[in-house]
Amino acid sequence: MLKLHSVFDKIQGLILGKHEHFNDLGSPFGQEELLLEVIGDQSFPIMSNVDVGHTFPSHVFPIGIEAELDAGNGEIVFAEKGVYY
């Protein structure tokens, strides 16, 4: 669905969370291989195997805030607060 809506043409980086039972499903492909097959030739950085999504532990990532992704060093820095009160 993300590819059909051209999301991969608009983003500057991608964080792929772990899926706790992905390898248990018997897929001949790894999660990263499957992702690259779907998105095709893109030039943005990709960080995979992150503790977010359908896994444990799962960290909460705020939606809609500025963040910096350094996939080479495995770092994600949120540039602003995710919650104000």
N, C-alpha and C. Protein backbone atom coordinates (compact mmCIF):
# COMPACT_ATOMS: atom_id res chain seq x y z
N MET A 1 0.82 -1.18 0.00
CA MET A 1 0.00 0.00 0.00
C MET A 1 0.87 1.26 0.00
N LEU A 2 1.97 1.23 0.74
CA LEU A 2 2.84 2.40 0.77
C LEU A 2 3.43 2.69 -0.61
N LYS A 3 3.81 1.65 -1.32
CA LYS A 3 4.36 1.84 -2.67
C LYS A 3 3.29 2.36 -3.62
N LEU A 4 2.09 1.84 -3.53
CA LEU A 4 1.00 2.30 -4.40
C LEU A 4 0.68 3.77 -4.18
N HIS A 5 0.90 4.27 -2.98
CA HIS A 5 0.63 5.68 -2.66
C HIS A 5 1.89 6.54 -2.77
N SER A 6 2.94 6.02 -3.41
CA SER A 6 4.19 6.74 -3.69
C SER A 6 4.91 7.26 -2.45
N VAL A 7 4.69 6.60 -1.32
CA VAL A 7 5.34 7.03 -0.08
C VAL A 7 6.86 6.93 -0.21
N PHE A 8 7.37 5.90 -0.85
CA PHE A 8 8.81 5.70 -0.96
C PHE A 8 9.47 6.74 -1.86
N ASP A 9 8.69 7.47 -2.64
CA ASP A 9 9.22 8.55 -3.47
C ASP A 9 9.29 9.87 -2.69
N LYS A 10 8.70 9.90 -1.50
CA LYS A 10 8.59 11.14 -0.74
C LYS A 10 9.42 11.16 0.54
N ILE A 11 9.84 10.00 1.02
CA ILE A 11 10.54 9.95 2.31
C ILE A 11 12.04 10.15 2.13
N GLN A 12 12.72 10.50 3.24
CA GLN A 12 14.16 10.71 3.21
C GLN A 12 14.91 9.62 3.96
N GLY A 13 14.18 8.71 4.59
CA GLY A 13 14.78 7.60 5.32
C GLY A 13 13.69 6.66 5.78
N LEU A 14 14.06 5.42 6.09
CA LEU A 14 13.09 4.42 6.49
C LEU A 14 13.61 3.62 7.68
N ILE A 15 12.76 3.45 8.68
CA ILE A 15 13.07 2.63 9.84
C ILE A 15 12.17 1.41 9.79
N LEU A 16 12.76 0.23 9.73
CA LEU A 16 12.01 -1.02 9.66
C LEU A 16 12.10 -1.72 11.00
N GLY A 17 10.96 -1.88 11.65
CA GLY A 17 10.93 -2.55 12.94
C GLY A 17 11.04 -4.05 12.80
N LYS A 18 11.37 -4.68 13.90
CA LYS A 18 11.43 -6.14 13.96
C LYS A 18 10.01 -6.69 13.89
N HIS A 19 9.89 -7.88 13.40
CA HIS A 19 8.63 -8.61 13.50
C HIS A 19 8.98 -9.89 14.23
N GLU A 20 8.49 -10.01 15.44
CA GLU A 20 8.90 -11.09 16.34
C GLU A 20 8.77 -12.48 15.71
N HIS A 21 7.75 -12.71 14.91
CA HIS A 21 7.51 -14.05 14.37
C HIS A 21 7.74 -14.15 12.86
N PHE A 22 8.41 -13.18 12.25
CA PHE A 22 8.60 -13.20 10.81
C PHE A 22 9.31 -14.47 10.35
N ASN A 23 10.39 -14.82 11.02
CA ASN A 23 11.15 -16.01 10.62
C ASN A 23 10.39 -17.30 10.86
N ASP A 24 9.39 -17.27 11.76
CA ASP A 24 8.59 -18.46 12.05
C ASP A 24 7.57 -18.75 10.95
N LEU A 25 7.35 -17.80 10.04
CA LEU A 25 6.33 -17.95 9.01
C LEU A 25 6.79 -18.80 7.83
N GLY A 26 8.07 -19.15 7.79
CA GLY A 26 8.58 -20.03 6.74
C GLY A 26 8.85 -19.32 5.42
N SER A 27 9.02 -18.01 5.44
CA SER A 27 9.30 -17.26 4.23
C SER A 27 10.71 -17.57 3.74
N PRO A 28 10.88 -17.76 2.42
CA PRO A 28 12.23 -17.99 1.89
C PRO A 28 13.06 -16.70 1.85
N PHE A 29 12.44 -15.55 2.14
CA PHE A 29 13.12 -14.27 2.11
C PHE A 29 13.25 -13.71 3.52
N GLY A 30 14.31 -12.96 3.74
CA GLY A 30 14.44 -12.23 4.98
C GLY A 30 13.63 -10.94 4.89
N GLN A 31 13.40 -10.29 6.01
CA GLN A 31 12.62 -9.07 6.04
C GLN A 31 13.25 -7.98 5.16
N GLU A 32 14.58 -7.83 5.23
CA GLU A 32 15.26 -6.81 4.45
C GLU A 32 15.17 -7.11 2.96
N GLU A 33 15.35 -8.38 2.58
CA GLU A 33 15.25 -8.77 1.17
C GLU A 33 13.87 -8.47 0.60
N LEU A 34 12.85 -8.79 1.37
CA LEU A 34 11.49 -8.54 0.95
C LEU A 34 11.23 -7.05 0.78
N LEU A 35 11.71 -6.25 1.72
CA LEU A 35 11.55 -4.80 1.63
C LEU A 35 12.21 -4.25 0.37
N LEU A 36 13.45 -4.64 0.11
CA LEU A 36 14.16 -4.14 -1.06
C LEU A 36 13.48 -4.57 -2.36
N GLU A 37 12.89 -5.74 -2.38
CA GLU A 37 12.14 -6.20 -3.55
C GLU A 37 10.93 -5.30 -3.80
N VAL A 38 10.27 -4.89 -2.73
CA VAL A 38 9.07 -4.06 -2.85
C VAL A 38 9.40 -2.63 -3.24
N ILE A 39 10.39 -2.01 -2.57
CA ILE A 39 10.64 -0.59 -2.81
C ILE A 39 11.45 -0.33 -4.06
N GLY A 40 12.19 -1.31 -4.55
CA GLY A 40 12.97 -1.10 -5.76
C GLY A 40 14.21 -0.28 -5.50
N ASP A 41 14.64 0.47 -6.53
CA ASP A 41 15.88 1.24 -6.47
C ASP A 41 15.61 2.60 -5.84
N GLN A 42 15.93 2.73 -4.57
CA GLN A 42 15.74 3.98 -3.84
C GLN A 42 17.07 4.39 -3.23
N SER A 43 17.22 5.68 -2.97
CA SER A 43 18.52 6.17 -2.47
C SER A 43 18.49 6.62 -1.02
N PHE A 44 17.38 6.41 -0.31
CA PHE A 44 17.32 6.85 1.09
C PHE A 44 17.93 5.79 2.01
N PRO A 45 18.42 6.24 3.20
CA PRO A 45 18.98 5.28 4.15
C PRO A 45 17.87 4.43 4.78
N ILE A 46 18.22 3.18 5.07
CA ILE A 46 17.28 2.25 5.70
C ILE A 46 17.94 1.67 6.94
N MET A 47 17.24 1.75 8.06
CA MET A 47 17.70 1.11 9.30
C MET A 47 16.70 0.00 9.60
N SER A 48 17.17 -1.22 9.73
CA SER A 48 16.27 -2.34 9.97
C SER A 48 16.58 -3.00 11.31
N ASN A 49 15.69 -3.90 11.69
CA ASN A 49 15.84 -4.67 12.92
C ASN A 49 15.77 -3.79 14.17
N VAL A 50 14.90 -2.77 14.12
CA VAL A 50 14.74 -1.81 15.22
C VAL A 50 13.64 -2.31 16.16
N ASP A 51 13.81 -2.11 17.45
CA ASP A 51 12.82 -2.55 18.44
C ASP A 51 11.58 -1.65 18.42
N VAL A 52 10.83 -1.74 17.36
CA VAL A 52 9.58 -1.00 17.21
C VAL A 52 8.68 -1.85 16.31
N GLY A 53 7.42 -1.84 16.58
CA GLY A 53 6.50 -2.63 15.76
C GLY A 53 6.03 -3.87 16.48
N HIS A 54 5.94 -4.97 15.75
CA HIS A 54 5.40 -6.22 16.28
C HIS A 54 6.50 -7.07 16.90
N THR A 55 7.04 -6.60 18.00
CA THR A 55 8.13 -7.30 18.66
C THR A 55 8.15 -6.94 20.14
N PHE A 56 9.02 -7.57 20.88
CA PHE A 56 9.21 -7.23 22.28
C PHE A 56 10.70 -7.18 22.55
N PRO A 57 11.25 -6.16 23.15
CA PRO A 57 10.53 -4.94 23.56
C PRO A 57 10.19 -4.09 22.36
N SER A 58 9.21 -3.23 22.51
CA SER A 58 8.80 -2.34 21.44
C SER A 58 8.77 -0.91 21.98
N HIS A 59 9.60 -0.06 21.41
CA HIS A 59 9.67 1.33 21.82
C HIS A 59 8.60 2.13 21.09
N VAL A 60 8.16 3.20 21.71
CA VAL A 60 7.16 4.08 21.12
C VAL A 60 7.86 5.16 20.32
N PHE A 61 7.47 5.31 19.06
CA PHE A 61 8.01 6.37 18.21
C PHE A 61 6.91 7.38 17.96
N PRO A 62 7.17 8.67 18.26
CA PRO A 62 6.16 9.69 17.99
C PRO A 62 5.97 9.89 16.49
N ILE A 63 4.77 10.17 16.08
CA ILE A 63 4.45 10.38 14.68
C ILE A 63 4.39 11.88 14.40
N GLY A 64 5.00 12.30 13.31
CA GLY A 64 4.88 13.67 12.85
C GLY A 64 5.90 14.66 13.37
N ILE A 65 6.94 14.19 14.03
CA ILE A 65 7.97 15.12 14.50
C ILE A 65 9.23 14.95 13.65
N GLU A 66 10.08 15.95 13.69
CA GLU A 66 11.35 15.89 12.98
C GLU A 66 12.28 14.92 13.69
N ALA A 67 13.01 14.14 12.90
CA ALA A 67 13.97 13.19 13.45
C ALA A 67 15.16 13.09 12.51
N GLU A 68 16.29 12.68 13.05
CA GLU A 68 17.48 12.44 12.25
C GLU A 68 17.82 10.96 12.31
N LEU A 69 18.10 10.38 11.16
CA LEU A 69 18.41 8.96 11.07
C LEU A 69 19.83 8.80 10.56
N ASP A 70 20.65 8.13 11.33
CA ASP A 70 22.01 7.78 10.91
C ASP A 70 22.05 6.25 10.84
N ALA A 71 21.63 5.72 9.71
CA ALA A 71 21.52 4.26 9.56
C ALA A 71 22.88 3.59 9.65
N GLY A 72 23.93 4.26 9.19
CA GLY A 72 25.27 3.68 9.25
C GLY A 72 25.75 3.42 10.66
N ASN A 73 25.39 4.30 11.58
CA ASN A 73 25.79 4.16 12.98
C ASN A 73 24.68 3.62 13.86
N GLY A 74 23.51 3.35 13.27
CA GLY A 74 22.40 2.80 14.04
C GLY A 74 21.82 3.78 15.04
N GLU A 75 21.72 5.06 14.65
CA GLU A 75 21.23 6.07 15.59
C GLU A 75 20.00 6.79 15.04
N ILE A 76 19.04 7.02 15.93
CA ILE A 76 17.85 7.80 15.63
C ILE A 76 17.78 8.90 16.69
N VAL A 77 17.69 10.14 16.26
CA VAL A 77 17.61 11.26 17.18
C VAL A 77 16.33 12.02 16.89
N PHE A 78 15.46 12.15 17.90
CA PHE A 78 14.24 12.94 17.75
C PHE A 78 14.60 14.39 17.99
N ALA A 79 14.30 15.27 17.04
CA ALA A 79 14.70 16.66 17.09
C ALA A 79 13.74 17.53 17.90
N GLU A 80 12.62 16.97 18.32
CA GLU A 80 11.65 17.71 19.13
C GLU A 80 10.89 16.75 20.01
N LYS A 81 10.16 17.29 20.97
CA LYS A 81 9.37 16.45 21.87
C LYS A 81 8.22 15.81 21.11
N GLY A 82 7.89 14.59 21.52
CA GLY A 82 6.76 13.90 20.92
C GLY A 82 5.45 14.18 21.64
N VAL A 83 5.55 14.63 22.89
CA VAL A 83 4.36 14.90 23.70
C VAL A 83 4.57 16.22 24.43
N TYR A 84 3.56 17.06 24.39
CA TYR A 84 3.57 18.31 25.15
C TYR A 84 2.43 18.29 26.15
N TYR A 85 2.69 18.73 27.36
CA TYR A 85 1.63 18.81 28.36
C TYR A 85 1.91 19.90 29.33
